[in-house]
């Protein structure tokens, strides 16, 4: 696996060390990997939400939609 070295001021290094210990990460690398994964997920969700917000408006969902959905679920469809 490729490596990346980063420099942190003492206050941030101390914070990372506390997070590793308090949250049960094995290493500071594992902690950083988790932060990066979460940011990737956050950005992916943001992209989906922006795409939805910019998509054309559709018909409003009403009680009939939910009745049909319940009927489908009830049938195991």
PDB file of N, CA and C in Angstrom:
ATOM      1  N   UNK A   1       0.844  -1.160   0.000  1.00  0.00           N
ATOM      2  CA  UNK A   1       0.000   0.000   0.000  1.00  0.00           C
ATOM      3  C   UNK A   1       0.897   1.234   0.000  1.00  0.00           C
ATOM      4  N   UNK A   2       0.610   2.203  -0.877  1.00  0.00           N
ATOM      5  CA  UNK A   2       1.420   3.424  -0.884  1.00  0.00           C
ATOM      6  C   UNK A   2       1.298   4.173   0.444  1.00  0.00           C
ATOM      7  N   UNK A   3       2.306   4.933   0.751  1.00  0.00           N
ATOM      8  CA  UNK A   3       2.282   5.710   1.991  1.00  0.00           C
ATOM      9  C   UNK A   3       2.291   7.192   1.685  1.00  0.00           C
ATOM     10  N   UNK A   4       1.836   7.953   2.681  1.00  0.00           N
ATOM     11  CA  UNK A   4       1.829   9.409   2.580  1.00  0.00           C
ATOM     12  C   UNK A   4       2.250   9.945   3.943  1.00  0.00           C
ATOM     13  N   UNK A   5       3.191  10.822   3.953  1.00  0.00           N
ATOM     14  CA  UNK A   5       3.632  11.432   5.200  1.00  0.00           C
ATOM     15  C   UNK A   5       3.057  12.831   5.289  1.00  0.00           C
ATOM     16  N   UNK A   6       2.541  13.187   6.462  1.00  0.00           N
ATOM     17  CA  UNK A   6       2.027  14.537   6.666  1.00  0.00           C
ATOM     18  C   UNK A   6       2.685  15.133   7.898  1.00  0.00           C
ATOM     19  N   UNK A   7       2.792  16.431   7.902  1.00  0.00           N
ATOM     20  CA  UNK A   7       3.322  17.150   9.060  1.00  0.00           C
ATOM     21  C   UNK A   7       2.160  17.815   9.776  1.00  0.00           C
ATOM     22  N   UNK A   8       2.146  17.696  11.091  1.00  0.00           N
ATOM     23  CA  UNK A   8       1.103  18.298  11.898  1.00  0.00           C
ATOM     24  C   UNK A   8       1.721  19.121  13.011  1.00  0.00           C
ATOM     25  N   UNK A   9       1.081  20.235  13.324  1.00  0.00           N
ATOM     26  CA  UNK A   9       1.535  20.959  14.517  1.00  0.00           C
ATOM     27  C   UNK A   9       1.275  20.090  15.757  1.00  0.00           C
ATOM     28  N   UNK A  10       1.965  20.372  16.825  1.00  0.00           N
ATOM     29  CA  UNK A  10       1.861  19.559  18.039  1.00  0.00           C
ATOM     30  C   UNK A  10       0.420  19.402  18.516  1.00  0.00           C
ATOM     31  N   UNK A  11      -0.351  20.468  18.453  1.00  0.00           N
ATOM     32  CA  UNK A  11      -1.727  20.407  18.958  1.00  0.00           C
ATOM     33  C   UNK A  11      -2.571  19.420  18.142  1.00  0.00           C
ATOM     34  N   UNK A  12      -2.376  19.363  16.833  1.00  0.00           N
ATOM     35  CA  UNK A  12      -3.117  18.407  16.008  1.00  0.00           C
ATOM     36  C   UNK A  12      -2.601  16.989  16.204  1.00  0.00           C
ATOM     37  N   UNK A  13      -1.309  16.826  16.337  1.00  0.00           N
ATOM     38  CA  UNK A  13      -0.724  15.504  16.595  1.00  0.00           C
ATOM     39  C   UNK A  13      -1.266  14.948  17.903  1.00  0.00           C
ATOM     40  N   UNK A  14      -1.357  15.779  18.927  1.00  0.00           N
ATOM     41  CA  UNK A  14      -1.903  15.349  20.212  1.00  0.00           C
ATOM     42  C   UNK A  14      -3.368  14.949  20.070  1.00  0.00           C
ATOM     43  N   UNK A  15      -4.115  15.712  19.295  1.00  0.00           N
ATOM     44  CA  UNK A  15      -5.517  15.397  19.062  1.00  0.00           C
ATOM     45  C   UNK A  15      -5.661  14.038  18.392  1.00  0.00           C
ATOM     46  N   UNK A  16      -4.877  13.808  17.350  1.00  0.00           N
ATOM     47  CA  UNK A  16      -4.927  12.525  16.636  1.00  0.00           C
ATOM     48  C   UNK A  16      -4.563  11.393  17.588  1.00  0.00           C
ATOM     49  N   UNK A  17      -3.529  11.568  18.364  1.00  0.00           N
ATOM     50  CA  UNK A  17      -3.116  10.529  19.311  1.00  0.00           C
ATOM     51  C   UNK A  17      -4.236  10.209  20.299  1.00  0.00           C
ATOM     52  N   UNK A  18      -4.928  11.229  20.792  1.00  0.00           N
ATOM     53  CA  UNK A  18      -6.043  10.996  21.723  1.00  0.00           C
ATOM     54  C   UNK A  18      -7.189  10.257  21.042  1.00  0.00           C
ATOM     55  N   UNK A  19      -7.478  10.627  19.794  1.00  0.00           N
ATOM     56  CA  UNK A  19      -8.549   9.964  19.058  1.00  0.00           C
ATOM     57  C   UNK A  19      -8.224   8.492  18.836  1.00  0.00           C
ATOM     58  N   UNK A  20      -6.999   8.210  18.484  1.00  0.00           N
ATOM     59  CA  UNK A  20      -6.568   6.824  18.263  1.00  0.00           C
ATOM     60  C   UNK A  20      -6.776   6.021  19.546  1.00  0.00           C
ATOM     61  N   UNK A  21      -6.355   6.576  20.658  1.00  0.00           N
ATOM     62  CA  UNK A  21      -6.475   5.866  21.934  1.00  0.00           C
ATOM     63  C   UNK A  21      -7.933   5.772  22.395  1.00  0.00           C
ATOM     64  N   UNK A  22      -8.650   6.898  22.376  1.00  0.00           N
ATOM     65  CA  UNK A  22     -10.015   6.935  22.915  1.00  0.00           C
ATOM     66  C   UNK A  22     -11.012   6.167  22.058  1.00  0.00           C
ATOM     67  N   UNK A  23     -10.788   6.143  20.753  1.00  0.00           N
ATOM     68  CA  UNK A  23     -11.769   5.532  19.858  1.00  0.00           C
ATOM     69  C   UNK A  23     -11.365   4.141  19.384  1.00  0.00           C
ATOM     70  N   UNK A  24     -10.250   3.653  19.882  1.00  0.00           N
ATOM     71  CA  UNK A  24      -9.868   2.267  19.623  1.00  0.00           C
ATOM     72  C   UNK A  24      -9.247   1.992  18.267  1.00  0.00           C
ATOM     73  N   UNK A  25      -8.690   2.996  17.632  1.00  0.00           N
ATOM     74  CA  UNK A  25      -7.979   2.756  16.381  1.00  0.00           C
ATOM     75  C   UNK A  25      -6.622   2.158  16.710  1.00  0.00           C
ATOM     76  N   UNK A  26      -6.154   1.253  15.873  1.00  0.00           N
ATOM     77  CA  UNK A  26      -4.868   0.628  16.122  1.00  0.00           C
ATOM     78  C   UNK A  26      -3.688   1.556  15.879  1.00  0.00           C
ATOM     79  N   UNK A  27      -3.848   2.432  14.893  1.00  0.00           N
ATOM     80  CA  UNK A  27      -2.763   3.349  14.526  1.00  0.00           C
ATOM     81  C   UNK A  27      -3.350   4.677  14.080  1.00  0.00           C
ATOM     82  N   UNK A  28      -2.493   5.668  14.004  1.00  0.00           N
ATOM     83  CA  UNK A  28      -2.945   6.963  13.483  1.00  0.00           C
ATOM     84  C   UNK A  28      -3.313   6.840  12.005  1.00  0.00           C
ATOM     85  N   UNK A  29      -2.672   5.915  11.298  1.00  0.00           N
ATOM     86  CA  UNK A  29      -3.025   5.686   9.892  1.00  0.00           C
ATOM     87  C   UNK A  29      -4.461   5.185   9.768  1.00  0.00           C
ATOM     88  N   UNK A  30      -4.862   4.272  10.643  1.00  0.00           N
ATOM     89  CA  UNK A  30      -6.234   3.756  10.608  1.00  0.00           C
ATOM     90  C   UNK A  30      -7.231   4.877  10.876  1.00  0.00           C
ATOM     91  N   UNK A  31      -6.908   5.749  11.802  1.00  0.00           N
ATOM     92  CA  UNK A  31      -7.772   6.897  12.104  1.00  0.00           C
ATOM     93  C   UNK A  31      -7.897   7.811  10.882  1.00  0.00           C
ATOM     94  N   UNK A  32      -6.788   8.132  10.261  1.00  0.00           N
ATOM     95  CA  UNK A  32      -6.805   9.011   9.090  1.00  0.00           C
ATOM     96  C   UNK A  32      -7.558   8.365   7.928  1.00  0.00           C
ATOM     97  N   UNK A  33      -7.383   7.068   7.738  1.00  0.00           N
ATOM     98  CA  UNK A  33      -8.112   6.366   6.679  1.00  0.00           C
ATOM     99  C   UNK A  33      -9.616   6.469   6.912  1.00  0.00           C
ATOM    100  N   UNK A  34     -10.044   6.324   8.163  1.00  0.00           N
ATOM    101  CA  UNK A  34     -11.468   6.442   8.482  1.00  0.00           C
ATOM    102  C   UNK A  34     -11.979   7.855   8.190  1.00  0.00           C
ATOM    103  N   UNK A  35     -11.207   8.865   8.541  1.00  0.00           N
ATOM    104  CA  UNK A  35     -11.610  10.249   8.247  1.00  0.00           C
ATOM    105  C   UNK A  35     -11.758  10.469   6.741  1.00  0.00           C
ATOM    106  N   UNK A  36     -10.840   9.938   5.978  1.00  0.00           N
ATOM    107  CA  UNK A  36     -10.879  10.112   4.524  1.00  0.00           C
ATOM    108  C   UNK A  36     -12.072   9.357   3.932  1.00  0.00           C
ATOM    109  N   UNK A  37     -12.319   8.129   4.409  1.00  0.00           N
ATOM    110  CA  UNK A  37     -13.490   7.378   3.933  1.00  0.00           C
ATOM    111  C   UNK A  37     -14.788   8.132   4.218  1.00  0.00           C
ATOM    112  N   UNK A  38     -14.902   8.692   5.412  1.00  0.00           N
ATOM    113  CA  UNK A  38     -16.102   9.458   5.767  1.00  0.00           C
ATOM    114  C   UNK A  38     -16.269  10.683   4.870  1.00  0.00           C
ATOM    115  N   UNK A  39     -15.173  11.334   4.553  1.00  0.00           N
ATOM    116  CA  UNK A  39     -15.246  12.499   3.666  1.00  0.00           C
ATOM    117  C   UNK A  39     -15.668  12.079   2.263  1.00  0.00           C
ATOM    118  N   UNK A  40     -15.174  10.948   1.792  1.00  0.00           N
ATOM    119  CA  UNK A  40     -15.599  10.437   0.485  1.00  0.00           C
ATOM    120  C   UNK A  40     -17.106  10.172   0.487  1.00  0.00           C
ATOM    121  N   UNK A  41     -17.599   9.540   1.537  1.00  0.00           N
ATOM    122  CA  UNK A  41     -19.030   9.258   1.643  1.00  0.00           C
ATOM    123  C   UNK A  41     -19.836  10.550   1.703  1.00  0.00           C
ATOM    124  N   UNK A  42     -19.352  11.524   2.456  1.00  0.00           N
ATOM    125  CA  UNK A  42     -20.037  12.813   2.571  1.00  0.00           C
ATOM    126  C   UNK A  42     -20.132  13.506   1.221  1.00  0.00           C
ATOM    127  N   UNK A  43     -19.037  13.483   0.473  1.00  0.00           N
ATOM    128  CA  UNK A  43     -19.039  14.115  -0.842  1.00  0.00           C
ATOM    129  C   UNK A  43     -19.949  13.375  -1.819  1.00  0.00           C
ATOM    130  N   UNK A  44     -19.958  12.044  -1.751  1.00  0.00           N
ATOM    131  CA  UNK A  44     -20.840  11.265  -2.625  1.00  0.00           C
ATOM    132  C   UNK A  44     -22.305  11.577  -2.319  1.00  0.00           C
ATOM    133  N   UNK A  45     -22.654  11.672  -1.041  1.00  0.00           N
ATOM    134  CA  UNK A  45     -24.018  12.014  -0.655  1.00  0.00           C
ATOM    135  C   UNK A  45     -24.369  13.415  -1.120  1.00  0.00           C
ATOM    136  N   UNK A  46     -23.443  14.338  -0.977  1.00  0.00           N
ATOM    137  CA  UNK A  46     -23.669  15.709  -1.445  1.00  0.00           C
ATOM    138  C   UNK A  46     -23.933  15.730  -2.945  1.00  0.00           C
ATOM    139  N   UNK A  47     -23.154  14.980  -3.703  1.00  0.00           N
ATOM    140  CA  UNK A  47     -23.336  14.919  -5.157  1.00  0.00           C
ATOM    141  C   UNK A  47     -24.711  14.375  -5.520  1.00  0.00           C
ATOM    142  N   UNK A  48     -25.145  13.325  -4.814  1.00  0.00           N
ATOM    143  CA  UNK A  48     -26.463  12.744  -5.082  1.00  0.00           C
ATOM    144  C   UNK A  48     -27.559  13.754  -4.756  1.00  0.00           C
ATOM    145  N   UNK A  49     -27.411  14.431  -3.643  1.00  0.00           N
ATOM    146  CA  UNK A  49     -28.419  15.415  -3.241  1.00  0.00           C
ATOM    147  C   UNK A  49     -28.477  16.585  -4.229  1.00  0.00           C
ATOM    148  N   UNK A  50     -27.327  17.051  -4.684  1.00  0.00           N
ATOM    149  CA  UNK A  50     -27.308  18.144  -5.660  1.00  0.00           C
ATOM    150  C   UNK A  50     -27.914  17.702  -6.990  1.00  0.00           C
ATOM    151  N   UNK A  51     -27.636  16.467  -7.386  1.00  0.00           N
ATOM    152  CA  UNK A  51     -28.223  15.951  -8.625  1.00  0.00           C
ATOM    153  C   UNK A  51     -29.739  15.871  -8.489  1.00  0.00           C
ATOM    154  N   UNK A  52     -30.214  15.415  -7.346  1.00  0.00           N
ATOM    155  CA  UNK A  52     -31.649  15.353  -7.122  1.00  0.00           C
ATOM    156  C   UNK A  52     -32.285  16.728  -7.098  1.00  0.00           C
ATOM    157  N   UNK A  53     -31.610  17.677  -6.478  1.00  0.00           N
ATOM    158  CA  UNK A  53     -32.147  19.029  -6.386  1.00  0.00           C
ATOM    159  C   UNK A  53     -32.211  19.700  -7.753  1.00  0.00           C
ATOM    160  N   UNK A  54     -31.325  19.328  -8.645  1.00  0.00           N
ATOM    161  CA  UNK A  54     -31.312  19.960  -9.969  1.00  0.00           C
ATOM    162  C   UNK A  54     -32.110  19.159 -11.005  1.00  0.00           C
ATOM    163  N   UNK A  55     -32.682  18.029 -10.600  1.00  0.00           N
ATOM    164  CA  UNK A  55     -33.473  17.234 -11.539  1.00  0.00           C
ATOM    165  C   UNK A  55     -34.864  17.863 -11.687  1.00  0.00           C
ATOM    166  N   UNK A  56     -35.529  17.551 -12.787  1.00  0.00           N
ATOM    167  CA  UNK A  56     -36.854  18.138 -13.001  1.00  0.00           C
ATOM    168  C   UNK A  56     -37.840  17.714 -11.917  1.00  0.00           C
ATOM    169  N   UNK A  57     -38.742  18.601 -11.611  1.00  0.00           N
ATOM    170  CA  UNK A  57     -39.770  18.304 -10.617  1.00  0.00           C
ATOM    171  C   UNK A  57     -40.698  17.218 -11.142  1.00  0.00           C
ATOM    172  N   UNK A  58     -41.190  16.400 -10.249  1.00  0.00           N
ATOM    173  CA  UNK A  58     -42.132  15.349 -10.615  1.00  0.00           C
ATOM    174  C   UNK A  58     -43.450  15.588  -9.888  1.00  0.00           C
ATOM    175  N   UNK A  59     -44.379  14.746 -10.171  1.00  0.00           N
ATOM    176  CA  UNK A  59     -45.689  14.835  -9.542  1.00  0.00           C
ATOM    177  C   UNK A  59     -45.557  14.583  -8.039  1.00  0.00           C
ATOM    178  N   UNK A  60     -46.332  15.320  -7.262  1.00  0.00           N
ATOM    179  CA  UNK A  60     -46.297  15.133  -5.814  1.00  0.00           C
ATOM    180  C   UNK A  60     -46.808  13.744  -5.445  1.00  0.00           C
ATOM    181  N   UNK A  61     -46.227  13.194  -4.413  1.00  0.00           N
ATOM    182  CA  UNK A  61     -46.642  11.883  -3.929  1.00  0.00           C
ATOM    183  C   UNK A  61     -47.789  12.083  -2.951  1.00  0.00           C
ATOM    184  N   UNK A  62     -48.850  11.325  -3.156  1.00  0.00           N
ATOM    185  CA  UNK A  62     -50.009  11.438  -2.293  1.00  0.00           C
ATOM    186  C   UNK A  62     -50.352  10.124  -1.632  1.00  0.00           C
ATOM    187  N   UNK A  63     -51.473  10.083  -0.940  1.00  0.00           N
ATOM    188  CA  UNK A  63     -51.886   8.877  -0.214  1.00  0.00           C
ATOM    189  C   UNK A  63     -52.018   7.640  -1.115  1.00  0.00           C
ATOM    190  N   UNK A  64     -52.441   7.804  -2.336  1.00  0.00           N
ATOM    191  CA  UNK A  64     -52.603   6.663  -3.241  1.00  0.00           C
ATOM    192  C   UNK A  64     -51.269   5.968  -3.486  1.00  0.00           C
ATOM    193  N   UNK A  65     -50.212   6.736  -3.617  1.00  0.00           N
ATOM    194  CA  UNK A  65     -48.876   6.160  -3.835  1.00  0.00           C
ATOM    195  C   UNK A  65     -48.510   5.233  -2.675  1.00  0.00           C
ATOM    196  N   UNK A  66     -48.744   5.705  -1.446  1.00  0.00           N
ATOM    197  CA  UNK A  66     -48.375   4.911  -0.279  1.00  0.00           C
ATOM    198  C   UNK A  66     -49.283   3.680  -0.121  1.00  0.00           C
ATOM    199  N   UNK A  67     -50.560   3.787  -0.500  1.00  0.00           N
ATOM    200  CA  UNK A  67     -51.445   2.613  -0.477  1.00  0.00           C
ATOM    201  C   UNK A  67     -50.932   1.547  -1.435  1.00  0.00           C
ATOM    202  N   UNK A  68     -50.558   1.970  -2.647  1.00  0.00           N
ATOM    203  CA  UNK A  68     -50.025   1.029  -3.637  1.00  0.00           C
ATOM    204  C   UNK A  68     -48.719   0.412  -3.163  1.00  0.00           C
ATOM    205  N   UNK A  69     -47.879   1.216  -2.564  1.00  0.00           N
ATOM    206  CA  UNK A  69     -46.600   0.724  -2.055  1.00  0.00           C
ATOM    207  C   UNK A  69     -46.829  -0.296  -0.942  1.00  0.00           C
ATOM    208  N   UNK A  70     -47.739  -0.015  -0.016  1.00  0.00           N
ATOM    209  CA  UNK A  70     -48.053  -0.968   1.052  1.00  0.00           C
ATOM    210  C   UNK A  70     -48.613  -2.268   0.475  1.00  0.00           C
ATOM    211  N   UNK A  71     -49.445  -2.154  -0.548  1.00  0.00           N
ATOM    212  CA  UNK A  71     -50.013  -3.350  -1.170  1.00  0.00           C
ATOM    213  C   UNK A  71     -48.904  -4.203  -1.801  1.00  0.00           C
ATOM    214  N   UNK A  72     -47.950  -3.555  -2.473  1.00  0.00           N
ATOM    215  CA  UNK A  72     -46.838  -4.289  -3.086  1.00  0.00           C
ATOM    216  C   UNK A  72     -45.992  -4.978  -2.029  1.00  0.00           C
ATOM    217  N   UNK A  73     -45.699  -4.264  -0.967  1.00  0.00           N
ATOM    218  CA  UNK A  73     -44.873  -4.826   0.103  1.00  0.00           C
ATOM    219  C   UNK A  73     -45.603  -5.985   0.765  1.00  0.00           C
ATOM    220  N   UNK A  74     -46.896  -5.831   0.960  1.00  0.00           N
ATOM    221  CA  UNK A  74     -47.697  -6.878   1.575  1.00  0.00           C
ATOM    222  C   UNK A  74     -47.743  -8.154   0.759  1.00  0.00           C
ATOM    223  N   UNK A  75     -47.616  -8.015  -0.563  1.00  0.00           N
ATOM    224  CA  UNK A  75     -47.635  -9.167  -1.462  1.00  0.00           C
ATOM    225  C   UNK A  75     -46.245  -9.786  -1.631  1.00  0.00           C
ATOM    226  N   UNK A  76     -45.258  -9.116  -1.086  1.00  0.00           N
ATOM    227  CA  UNK A  76     -43.897  -9.605  -1.223  1.00  0.00           C
ATOM    228  C   UNK A  76     -43.277  -9.250  -2.560  1.00  0.00           C
ATOM    229  N   UNK A  77     -43.878  -8.281  -3.245  1.00  0.00           N
ATOM    230  CA  UNK A  77     -43.368  -7.881  -4.568  1.00  0.00           C
ATOM    231  C   UNK A  77     -42.206  -6.938  -4.438  1.00  0.00           C
TER     232      UNK A  77
END
